[in-house]
């Protein structure tokens, strides 16, 4: 845990008729992020099969999204659809968080136990966090369609090449790119702030998802430079990973997922009686 911790545990959230203290949020440094990345790489090396399989499933899902856009003659949505798809990464990484947790505690690893833990979340607050991610992804696609209509009208494109040529060679297309990336960056930052530690927190502790999101935002506000720096690293890695038909995600998703677990460990401390 970082040595320069600042705590905030005076408030509580009503649960089961009582007040539970809010999770403690610790101030971290860039070195803590680097340490978390090293720990994430170590977890990936210790249990590569789990990471590779989960990464491959996620990559197949992304490829399916792109092929679906092409099949529906909407190839011009391939890039924003791919970018929007990676937004569900925090939810897809739940299995990776469980692997890291088991490695951390020395608990045995097996696919049955991993799936059992993930399946158990269907009736817990983590399901609501998945809904939040899905809602923001829907907002992402709607803002793309809205900006397309505003800057390029309601024209249709015969191919992705025609769409690409339009947006990089016309003033309207360049404006669409500029505004679209700004809006996308804002949505991505909002989602990152809401989820960076909320998914691991809900996996470990039976909190309500509102408390988890508040804790996640507090973690970003408490340590803005290292956390936003990590967000930029995640964004860059994911964008590079989706270029070769999502193949890069097979490696990068598990590393990012394991790292996020260790970053959560550094950012958040739970009262001992609430861990479970």
C-alpha atoms as a PDB file:
ATOM      1  CA  UNK A   1       0.000   0.000   0.000  1.00  0.00           C
ATOM      2  CA  UNK A   2       1.240   3.501  -0.751  1.00  0.00           C
ATOM      3  CA  UNK A   3       2.902   5.261   2.194  1.00  0.00           C
ATOM      4  CA  UNK A   4       1.365   8.657   1.442  1.00  0.00           C
ATOM      5  CA  UNK A   5      -2.216   7.642   2.130  1.00  0.00           C
ATOM      6  CA  UNK A   6      -5.053  10.057   2.801  1.00  0.00           C
ATOM      7  CA  UNK A   7      -8.226   8.611   4.246  1.00  0.00           C
ATOM      8  CA  UNK A   8     -11.868   9.490   4.232  1.00  0.00           C
ATOM      9  CA  UNK A   9     -14.048   7.130   6.254  1.00  0.00           C
ATOM     10  CA  UNK A  10     -16.391   9.387   8.197  1.00  0.00           C
ATOM     11  CA  UNK A  11     -19.437   8.823   6.048  1.00  0.00           C
ATOM     12  CA  UNK A  12     -21.411   5.665   5.613  1.00  0.00           C
ATOM     13  CA  UNK A  13     -23.950   4.101   3.351  1.00  0.00           C
ATOM     14  CA  UNK A  14     -27.147   2.447   4.562  1.00  0.00           C
ATOM     15  CA  UNK A  15     -27.035  -1.309   4.126  1.00  0.00           C
ATOM     16  CA  UNK A  16     -29.386  -3.842   5.688  1.00  0.00           C
ATOM     17  CA  UNK A  17     -30.806  -1.226   8.034  1.00  0.00           C
ATOM     18  CA  UNK A  18     -27.439  -0.003   9.343  1.00  0.00           C
ATOM     19  CA  UNK A  19     -24.615   2.319   8.454  1.00  0.00           C
ATOM     20  CA  UNK A  20     -21.433   0.902   6.997  1.00  0.00           C
ATOM     21  CA  UNK A  21     -18.324   3.055   6.745  1.00  0.00           C
ATOM     22  CA  UNK A  22     -17.351   4.109   3.265  1.00  0.00           C
ATOM     23  CA  UNK A  23     -14.272   2.349   1.882  1.00  0.00           C
ATOM     24  CA  UNK A  24     -11.048   4.173   2.652  1.00  0.00           C
ATOM     25  CA  UNK A  25      -9.520   5.851  -0.395  1.00  0.00           C
ATOM     26  CA  UNK A  26      -5.732   6.107  -0.448  1.00  0.00           C
ATOM     27  CA  UNK A  27      -3.651   8.650  -2.300  1.00  0.00           C
ATOM     28  CA  UNK A  28      -1.308   6.907  -4.718  1.00  0.00           C
ATOM     29  CA  UNK A  29       1.641   7.963  -6.850  1.00  0.00           C
ATOM     30  CA  UNK A  30       2.879   7.155 -10.335  1.00  0.00           C
ATOM     31  CA  UNK A  31       5.238   4.621  -8.746  1.00  0.00           C
ATOM     32  CA  UNK A  32       2.212   2.809  -7.324  1.00  0.00           C
ATOM     33  CA  UNK A  33       0.777   2.513 -10.824  1.00  0.00           C
ATOM     34  CA  UNK A  34       4.091   1.112 -12.042  1.00  0.00           C
ATOM     35  CA  UNK A  35       4.132  -1.366  -9.150  1.00  0.00           C
ATOM     36  CA  UNK A  36       0.568  -2.421  -9.982  1.00  0.00           C
ATOM     37  CA  UNK A  37       1.557  -2.974 -13.617  1.00  0.00           C
ATOM     38  CA  UNK A  38       4.492  -5.131 -12.530  1.00  0.00           C
ATOM     39  CA  UNK A  39       2.159  -7.160 -10.297  1.00  0.00           C
ATOM     40  CA  UNK A  40      -0.318  -7.494 -13.174  1.00  0.00           C
ATOM     41  CA  UNK A  41       2.392  -8.828 -15.466  1.00  0.00           C
ATOM     42  CA  UNK A  42       3.412 -11.258 -12.739  1.00  0.00           C
ATOM     43  CA  UNK A  43      -0.166 -12.557 -12.403  1.00  0.00           C
ATOM     44  CA  UNK A  44      -0.391 -13.020 -16.165  1.00  0.00           C
ATOM     45  CA  UNK A  45       2.810 -15.080 -16.157  1.00  0.00           C
ATOM     46  CA  UNK A  46       1.584 -17.176 -13.220  1.00  0.00           C
ATOM     47  CA  UNK A  47      -1.763 -18.033 -14.825  1.00  0.00           C
ATOM     48  CA  UNK A  48      -1.425 -17.326 -18.555  1.00  0.00           C
ATOM     49  CA  UNK A  49      -4.102 -19.778 -19.697  1.00  0.00           C
ATOM     50  CA  UNK A  50      -6.878 -17.927 -17.877  1.00  0.00           C
ATOM     51  CA  UNK A  51      -5.775 -14.558 -19.199  1.00  0.00           C
ATOM     52  CA  UNK A  52      -5.310 -15.748 -22.776  1.00  0.00           C
ATOM     53  CA  UNK A  53      -8.703 -17.479 -22.877  1.00  0.00           C
ATOM     54  CA  UNK A  54     -10.587 -14.491 -21.465  1.00  0.00           C
ATOM     55  CA  UNK A  55      -8.657 -12.157 -23.758  1.00  0.00           C
ATOM     56  CA  UNK A  56      -9.455 -14.355 -26.759  1.00  0.00           C
ATOM     57  CA  UNK A  57     -13.179 -14.394 -25.935  1.00  0.00           C
ATOM     58  CA  UNK A  58     -13.166 -10.605 -25.691  1.00  0.00           C
ATOM     59  CA  UNK A  59     -11.291 -10.306 -28.997  1.00  0.00           C
ATOM     60  CA  UNK A  60     -13.803 -12.628 -30.697  1.00  0.00           C
ATOM     61  CA  UNK A  61     -16.612 -10.443 -29.353  1.00  0.00           C
ATOM     62  CA  UNK A  62     -15.010  -7.339 -30.844  1.00  0.00           C
ATOM     63  CA  UNK A  63     -14.517  -9.035 -34.193  1.00  0.00           C
ATOM     64  CA  UNK A  64     -18.173 -10.077 -34.146  1.00  0.00           C
ATOM     65  CA  UNK A  65     -19.211  -6.434 -33.658  1.00  0.00           C
ATOM     66  CA  UNK A  66     -17.190  -5.333 -36.696  1.00  0.00           C
ATOM     67  CA  UNK A  67     -18.424  -8.177 -38.900  1.00  0.00           C
ATOM     68  CA  UNK A  68     -21.998  -7.411 -37.847  1.00  0.00           C
ATOM     69  CA  UNK A  69     -21.575  -3.782 -38.914  1.00  0.00           C
ATOM     70  CA  UNK A  70     -20.271  -4.946 -42.283  1.00  0.00           C
ATOM     71  CA  UNK A  71     -23.103  -7.448 -42.711  1.00  0.00           C
ATOM     72  CA  UNK A  72     -25.636  -4.685 -42.040  1.00  0.00           C
ATOM     73  CA  UNK A  73     -23.955  -2.437 -44.640  1.00  0.00           C
ATOM     74  CA  UNK A  74     -22.859  -0.083 -41.865  1.00  0.00           C
ATOM     75  CA  UNK A  75     -19.109  -0.441 -42.267  1.00  0.00           C
ATOM     76  CA  UNK A  76     -18.694   3.276 -41.615  1.00  0.00           C
ATOM     77  CA  UNK A  77     -19.583   2.536 -37.974  1.00  0.00           C
ATOM     78  CA  UNK A  78     -16.749   0.006 -37.651  1.00  0.00           C
ATOM     79  CA  UNK A  79     -14.294   2.370 -35.972  1.00  0.00           C
ATOM     80  CA  UNK A  80     -16.704   3.941 -33.444  1.00  0.00           C
ATOM     81  CA  UNK A  81     -18.271   0.523 -32.803  1.00  0.00           C
ATOM     82  CA  UNK A  82     -14.859  -0.973 -32.106  1.00  0.00           C
ATOM     83  CA  UNK A  83     -13.935   1.919 -29.838  1.00  0.00           C
ATOM     84  CA  UNK A  84     -17.268   1.622 -28.049  1.00  0.00           C
ATOM     85  CA  UNK A  85     -16.875  -2.120 -27.636  1.00  0.00           C
ATOM     86  CA  UNK A  86     -13.676  -1.790 -25.616  1.00  0.00           C
ATOM     87  CA  UNK A  87     -15.625   0.290 -23.090  1.00  0.00           C
ATOM     88  CA  UNK A  88     -17.027  -2.958 -21.685  1.00  0.00           C
ATOM     89  CA  UNK A  89     -13.496  -4.074 -20.830  1.00  0.00           C
ATOM     90  CA  UNK A  90     -13.943  -3.526 -17.058  1.00  0.00           C
ATOM     91  CA  UNK A  91     -16.913  -5.905 -17.024  1.00  0.00           C
ATOM     92  CA  UNK A  92     -15.157  -8.466 -19.219  1.00  0.00           C
ATOM     93  CA  UNK A  93     -12.190  -8.398 -16.827  1.00  0.00           C
ATOM     94  CA  UNK A  94     -14.194  -9.591 -13.803  1.00  0.00           C
ATOM     95  CA  UNK A  95     -12.843 -13.105 -14.292  1.00  0.00           C
ATOM     96  CA  UNK A  96      -9.308 -11.683 -14.342  1.00  0.00           C
ATOM     97  CA  UNK A  97      -9.911  -9.864 -11.060  1.00  0.00           C
ATOM     98  CA  UNK A  98     -10.964 -13.168  -9.528  1.00  0.00           C
ATOM     99  CA  UNK A  99      -7.810 -14.851 -10.822  1.00  0.00           C
ATOM    100  CA  UNK A 100      -5.663 -12.117  -9.263  1.00  0.00           C
ATOM    101  CA  UNK A 101      -7.583 -12.339  -6.000  1.00  0.00           C
ATOM    102  CA  UNK A 102      -7.024 -16.090  -5.827  1.00  0.00           C
ATOM    103  CA  UNK A 103      -3.335 -15.739  -6.639  1.00  0.00           C
ATOM    104  CA  UNK A 104      -3.072 -13.087  -3.938  1.00  0.00           C
ATOM    105  CA  UNK A 105      -4.665 -15.277  -1.264  1.00  0.00           C
ATOM    106  CA  UNK A 106      -3.086 -18.521  -2.423  1.00  0.00           C
ATOM    107  CA  UNK A 107      -6.482 -20.031  -3.244  1.00  0.00           C
ATOM    108  CA  UNK A 108      -6.510 -22.783  -5.842  1.00  0.00           C
ATOM    109  CA  UNK A 109      -7.376 -21.833  -9.412  1.00  0.00           C
ATOM    110  CA  UNK A 110      -9.861 -23.696 -11.568  1.00  0.00           C
ATOM    111  CA  UNK A 111     -12.262 -22.755 -14.340  1.00  0.00           C
ATOM    112  CA  UNK A 112     -15.193 -24.080 -12.341  1.00  0.00           C
ATOM    113  CA  UNK A 113     -14.415 -21.795  -9.411  1.00  0.00           C
ATOM    114  CA  UNK A 114     -13.833 -18.771 -11.664  1.00  0.00           C
ATOM    115  CA  UNK A 115     -17.147 -19.300 -13.482  1.00  0.00           C
ATOM    116  CA  UNK A 116     -18.903 -20.005 -10.193  1.00  0.00           C
ATOM    117  CA  UNK A 117     -17.734 -16.668  -8.804  1.00  0.00           C
ATOM    118  CA  UNK A 118     -18.709 -14.811 -11.977  1.00  0.00           C
ATOM    119  CA  UNK A 119     -22.128 -16.510 -12.090  1.00  0.00           C
ATOM    120  CA  UNK A 120     -22.750 -15.578  -8.451  1.00  0.00           C
ATOM    121  CA  UNK A 121     -22.549 -11.902  -9.421  1.00  0.00           C
ATOM    122  CA  UNK A 122     -25.784 -12.102 -11.410  1.00  0.00           C
ATOM    123  CA  UNK A 123     -27.832 -11.485  -8.296  1.00  0.00           C
ATOM    124  CA  UNK A 124     -25.501  -8.914  -6.785  1.00  0.00           C
ATOM    125  CA  UNK A 125     -24.738  -5.244  -7.336  1.00  0.00           C
ATOM    126  CA  UNK A 126     -22.098  -5.988  -9.956  1.00  0.00           C
ATOM    127  CA  UNK A 127     -24.936  -6.680 -12.384  1.00  0.00           C
ATOM    128  CA  UNK A 128     -26.078  -3.075 -11.989  1.00  0.00           C
ATOM    129  CA  UNK A 129     -22.561  -1.870 -12.740  1.00  0.00           C
ATOM    130  CA  UNK A 130     -22.705  -3.897 -15.947  1.00  0.00           C
ATOM    131  CA  UNK A 131     -25.907  -2.026 -16.796  1.00  0.00           C
ATOM    132  CA  UNK A 132     -24.122   1.302 -16.218  1.00  0.00           C
ATOM    133  CA  UNK A 133     -21.387   0.250 -18.650  1.00  0.00           C
ATOM    134  CA  UNK A 134     -23.962  -0.850 -21.213  1.00  0.00           C
ATOM    135  CA  UNK A 135     -25.847   2.444 -20.852  1.00  0.00           C
ATOM    136  CA  UNK A 136     -22.710   4.476 -21.524  1.00  0.00           C
ATOM    137  CA  UNK A 137     -21.884   2.276 -24.508  1.00  0.00           C
ATOM    138  CA  UNK A 138     -25.364   2.969 -25.920  1.00  0.00           C
ATOM    139  CA  UNK A 139     -24.807   6.685 -25.334  1.00  0.00           C
ATOM    140  CA  UNK A 140     -21.502   6.325 -27.185  1.00  0.00           C
ATOM    141  CA  UNK A 141     -23.161   4.911 -30.291  1.00  0.00           C
ATOM    142  CA  UNK A 142     -25.997   7.442 -30.194  1.00  0.00           C
ATOM    143  CA  UNK A 143     -23.574  10.363 -30.032  1.00  0.00           C
ATOM    144  CA  UNK A 144     -21.746   8.927 -33.052  1.00  0.00           C
ATOM    145  CA  UNK A 145     -24.967   8.767 -35.059  1.00  0.00           C
ATOM    146  CA  UNK A 146     -25.952  12.255 -33.912  1.00  0.00           C
ATOM    147  CA  UNK A 147     -22.609  13.756 -34.915  1.00  0.00           C
ATOM    148  CA  UNK A 148     -22.733  11.957 -38.254  1.00  0.00           C
ATOM    149  CA  UNK A 149     -26.127  13.519 -38.926  1.00  0.00           C
ATOM    150  CA  UNK A 150     -24.984  16.980 -37.788  1.00  0.00           C
ATOM    151  CA  UNK A 151     -21.761  17.123 -39.789  1.00  0.00           C
ATOM    152  CA  UNK A 152     -22.284  14.751 -42.722  1.00  0.00           C
ATOM    153  CA  UNK A 153     -26.048  14.747 -43.084  1.00  0.00           C
ATOM    154  CA  UNK A 154     -28.052  11.584 -43.562  1.00  0.00           C
ATOM    155  CA  UNK A 155     -25.971  10.316 -46.451  1.00  0.00           C
ATOM    156  CA  UNK A 156     -25.081   6.646 -46.703  1.00  0.00           C
ATOM    157  CA  UNK A 157     -21.676   5.231 -47.582  1.00  0.00           C
ATOM    158  CA  UNK A 158     -21.106   2.300 -49.900  1.00  0.00           C
ATOM    159  CA  UNK A 159     -17.960   1.216 -48.084  1.00  0.00           C
ATOM    160  CA  UNK A 160     -15.707   2.002 -45.173  1.00  0.00           C
ATOM    161  CA  UNK A 161     -13.130   3.359 -47.635  1.00  0.00           C
ATOM    162  CA  UNK A 162     -15.645   5.911 -48.930  1.00  0.00           C
ATOM    163  CA  UNK A 163     -16.511   6.930 -45.375  1.00  0.00           C
ATOM    164  CA  UNK A 164     -12.837   7.232 -44.445  1.00  0.00           C
ATOM    165  CA  UNK A 165     -12.098   9.312 -47.533  1.00  0.00           C
ATOM    166  CA  UNK A 166     -14.984  11.658 -46.663  1.00  0.00           C
ATOM    167  CA  UNK A 167     -13.987  12.305 -43.072  1.00  0.00           C
ATOM    168  CA  UNK A 168     -10.295  12.937 -43.813  1.00  0.00           C
ATOM    169  CA  UNK A 169     -10.630  15.043 -46.946  1.00  0.00           C
ATOM    170  CA  UNK A 170     -13.614  17.337 -46.227  1.00  0.00           C
ATOM    171  CA  UNK A 171     -13.997  20.144 -43.667  1.00  0.00           C
ATOM    172  CA  UNK A 172     -17.198  18.550 -42.381  1.00  0.00           C
ATOM    173  CA  UNK A 173     -15.490  15.200 -41.969  1.00  0.00           C
ATOM    174  CA  UNK A 174     -12.533  16.695 -40.104  1.00  0.00           C
ATOM    175  CA  UNK A 175     -14.909  18.557 -37.793  1.00  0.00           C
ATOM    176  CA  UNK A 176     -16.779  15.290 -37.158  1.00  0.00           C
ATOM    177  CA  UNK A 177     -13.496  13.634 -36.233  1.00  0.00           C
ATOM    178  CA  UNK A 178     -12.449  16.451 -33.910  1.00  0.00           C
ATOM    179  CA  UNK A 179     -15.759  16.808 -32.068  1.00  0.00           C
ATOM    180  CA  UNK A 180     -16.328  13.049 -32.021  1.00  0.00           C
ATOM    181  CA  UNK A 181     -12.993  12.382 -30.360  1.00  0.00           C
ATOM    182  CA  UNK A 182     -13.556  15.113 -27.771  1.00  0.00           C
ATOM    183  CA  UNK A 183     -17.010  13.778 -26.880  1.00  0.00           C
ATOM    184  CA  UNK A 184     -15.655  10.234 -26.878  1.00  0.00           C
ATOM    185  CA  UNK A 185     -12.811  11.244 -24.574  1.00  0.00           C
ATOM    186  CA  UNK A 186     -15.270  12.818 -22.130  1.00  0.00           C
ATOM    187  CA  UNK A 187     -17.471   9.705 -22.089  1.00  0.00           C
ATOM    188  CA  UNK A 188     -14.419   7.472 -21.683  1.00  0.00           C
ATOM    189  CA  UNK A 189     -13.156   9.543 -18.745  1.00  0.00           C
ATOM    190  CA  UNK A 190     -16.578   9.389 -17.094  1.00  0.00           C
ATOM    191  CA  UNK A 191     -16.735   5.625 -17.531  1.00  0.00           C
ATOM    192  CA  UNK A 192     -13.166   5.168 -16.317  1.00  0.00           C
ATOM    193  CA  UNK A 193     -13.871   7.257 -13.208  1.00  0.00           C
ATOM    194  CA  UNK A 194     -17.018   5.268 -12.435  1.00  0.00           C
ATOM    195  CA  UNK A 195     -15.519   1.813 -12.967  1.00  0.00           C
ATOM    196  CA  UNK A 196     -11.754   1.836 -12.377  1.00  0.00           C
ATOM    197  CA  UNK A 197     -12.117   0.394  -8.863  1.00  0.00           C
ATOM    198  CA  UNK A 198     -15.878  -0.262  -8.633  1.00  0.00           C
ATOM    199  CA  UNK A 199     -15.843  -3.673 -10.334  1.00  0.00           C
ATOM    200  CA  UNK A 200     -13.026  -5.076  -8.157  1.00  0.00           C
ATOM    201  CA  UNK A 201     -14.683  -3.545  -5.071  1.00  0.00           C
ATOM    202  CA  UNK A 202     -18.027  -5.197  -5.811  1.00  0.00           C
ATOM    203  CA  UNK A 203     -16.321  -8.499  -6.504  1.00  0.00           C
ATOM    204  CA  UNK A 204     -14.620  -8.436  -3.122  1.00  0.00           C
ATOM    205  CA  UNK A 205     -17.222  -6.775  -0.928  1.00  0.00           C
ATOM    206  CA  UNK A 206     -21.023  -6.878  -0.980  1.00  0.00           C
ATOM    207  CA  UNK A 207     -21.538  -3.128  -1.428  1.00  0.00           C
ATOM    208  CA  UNK A 208     -24.222  -1.309  -3.349  1.00  0.00           C
ATOM    209  CA  UNK A 209     -23.137  -0.169  -6.800  1.00  0.00           C
ATOM    210  CA  UNK A 210     -23.727   3.516  -5.986  1.00  0.00           C
ATOM    211  CA  UNK A 211     -21.168   3.324  -3.177  1.00  0.00           C
ATOM    212  CA  UNK A 212     -18.797   1.508  -5.527  1.00  0.00           C
ATOM    213  CA  UNK A 213     -19.090   4.237  -8.165  1.00  0.00           C
ATOM    214  CA  UNK A 214     -18.642   6.997  -5.593  1.00  0.00           C
ATOM    215  CA  UNK A 215     -15.551   5.244  -4.259  1.00  0.00           C
ATOM    216  CA  UNK A 216     -14.182   4.894  -7.782  1.00  0.00           C
ATOM    217  CA  UNK A 217     -14.681   8.599  -8.516  1.00  0.00           C
ATOM    218  CA  UNK A 218     -13.087   9.481  -5.166  1.00  0.00           C
ATOM    219  CA  UNK A 219     -10.070   7.373  -6.082  1.00  0.00           C
ATOM    220  CA  UNK A 220      -9.609   9.348  -9.309  1.00  0.00           C
ATOM    221  CA  UNK A 221     -10.151  12.721  -7.609  1.00  0.00           C
ATOM    222  CA  UNK A 222      -7.777  11.835  -4.765  1.00  0.00           C
ATOM    223  CA  UNK A 223      -4.952  10.866  -7.143  1.00  0.00           C
ATOM    224  CA  UNK A 224      -5.763  12.610 -10.454  1.00  0.00           C
ATOM    225  CA  UNK A 225      -2.320  12.550 -12.062  1.00  0.00           C
ATOM    226  CA  UNK A 226      -1.512   8.830 -11.678  1.00  0.00           C
ATOM    227  CA  UNK A 227      -5.106   7.736 -12.278  1.00  0.00           C
ATOM    228  CA  UNK A 228      -5.687   9.828 -15.396  1.00  0.00           C
ATOM    229  CA  UNK A 229      -2.214   8.837 -16.552  1.00  0.00           C
ATOM    230  CA  UNK A 230      -3.254   5.205 -16.194  1.00  0.00           C
ATOM    231  CA  UNK A 231      -6.462   5.968 -18.111  1.00  0.00           C
ATOM    232  CA  UNK A 232      -4.396   7.376 -20.996  1.00  0.00           C
ATOM    233  CA  UNK A 233      -2.171   4.288 -20.978  1.00  0.00           C
ATOM    234  CA  UNK A 234      -5.222   1.994 -21.035  1.00  0.00           C
ATOM    235  CA  UNK A 235      -6.759   3.974 -23.900  1.00  0.00           C
ATOM    236  CA  UNK A 236      -3.588   3.905 -25.976  1.00  0.00           C
ATOM    237  CA  UNK A 237      -3.015   0.190 -25.365  1.00  0.00           C
ATOM    238  CA  UNK A 238      -6.601  -0.719 -26.244  1.00  0.00           C
ATOM    239  CA  UNK A 239      -6.613   1.375 -29.421  1.00  0.00           C
ATOM    240  CA  UNK A 240      -3.399  -0.266 -30.604  1.00  0.00           C
ATOM    241  CA  UNK A 241      -4.744  -3.693 -29.625  1.00  0.00           C
ATOM    242  CA  UNK A 242      -7.890  -3.445 -31.747  1.00  0.00           C
ATOM    243  CA  UNK A 243      -6.030  -2.505 -34.941  1.00  0.00           C
ATOM    244  CA  UNK A 244      -4.970  -6.047 -35.945  1.00  0.00           C
ATOM    245  CA  UNK A 245      -8.521  -7.487 -35.863  1.00  0.00           C
ATOM    246  CA  UNK A 246      -8.595  -7.262 -32.054  1.00  0.00           C
ATOM    247  CA  UNK A 247      -5.822  -9.858 -31.809  1.00  0.00           C
ATOM    248  CA  UNK A 248      -3.763  -7.659 -29.505  1.00  0.00           C
ATOM    249  CA  UNK A 249      -6.493  -7.863 -26.860  1.00  0.00           C
ATOM    250  CA  UNK A 250      -5.638 -11.510 -26.269  1.00  0.00           C
ATOM    251  CA  UNK A 251      -2.483 -10.311 -24.519  1.00  0.00           C
ATOM    252  CA  UNK A 252      -3.267  -6.771 -23.409  1.00  0.00           C
ATOM    253  CA  UNK A 253      -6.699  -7.329 -21.825  1.00  0.00           C
ATOM    254  CA  UNK A 254      -5.463  -9.820 -19.199  1.00  0.00           C
ATOM    255  CA  UNK A 255      -2.470  -7.644 -18.330  1.00  0.00           C
ATOM    256  CA  UNK A 256      -4.675  -4.567 -17.949  1.00  0.00           C
ATOM    257  CA  UNK A 257      -7.239  -6.558 -15.963  1.00  0.00           C
ATOM    258  CA  UNK A 258      -4.718  -7.986 -13.509  1.00  0.00           C
ATOM    259  CA  UNK A 259      -3.093  -4.555 -13.163  1.00  0.00           C
ATOM    260  CA  UNK A 260      -6.461  -2.971 -12.382  1.00  0.00           C
ATOM    261  CA  UNK A 261      -6.952  -5.411  -9.505  1.00  0.00           C
ATOM    262  CA  UNK A 262      -3.620  -4.434  -7.951  1.00  0.00           C
ATOM    263  CA  UNK A 263      -4.319  -0.750  -8.568  1.00  0.00           C
ATOM    264  CA  UNK A 264      -7.610  -1.203  -6.722  1.00  0.00           C
ATOM    265  CA  UNK A 265      -5.701  -2.772  -3.841  1.00  0.00           C
ATOM    266  CA  UNK A 266      -3.502   0.305  -3.616  1.00  0.00           C
ATOM    267  CA  UNK A 267      -6.361   2.798  -3.974  1.00  0.00           C
ATOM    268  CA  UNK A 268      -8.970   1.268  -1.659  1.00  0.00           C
ATOM    269  CA  UNK A 269      -8.895  -0.214   1.836  1.00  0.00           C
ATOM    270  CA  UNK A 270     -11.904  -1.950   3.380  1.00  0.00           C
ATOM    271  CA  UNK A 271     -12.696  -2.268   7.081  1.00  0.00           C
ATOM    272  CA  UNK A 272     -11.662  -5.806   7.990  1.00  0.00           C
ATOM    273  CA  UNK A 273     -15.115  -6.776   9.204  1.00  0.00           C
ATOM    274  CA  UNK A 274     -16.587  -5.859   5.784  1.00  0.00           C
ATOM    275  CA  UNK A 275     -14.309  -7.924   3.613  1.00  0.00           C
ATOM    276  CA  UNK A 276     -15.969 -11.017   2.198  1.00  0.00           C
END
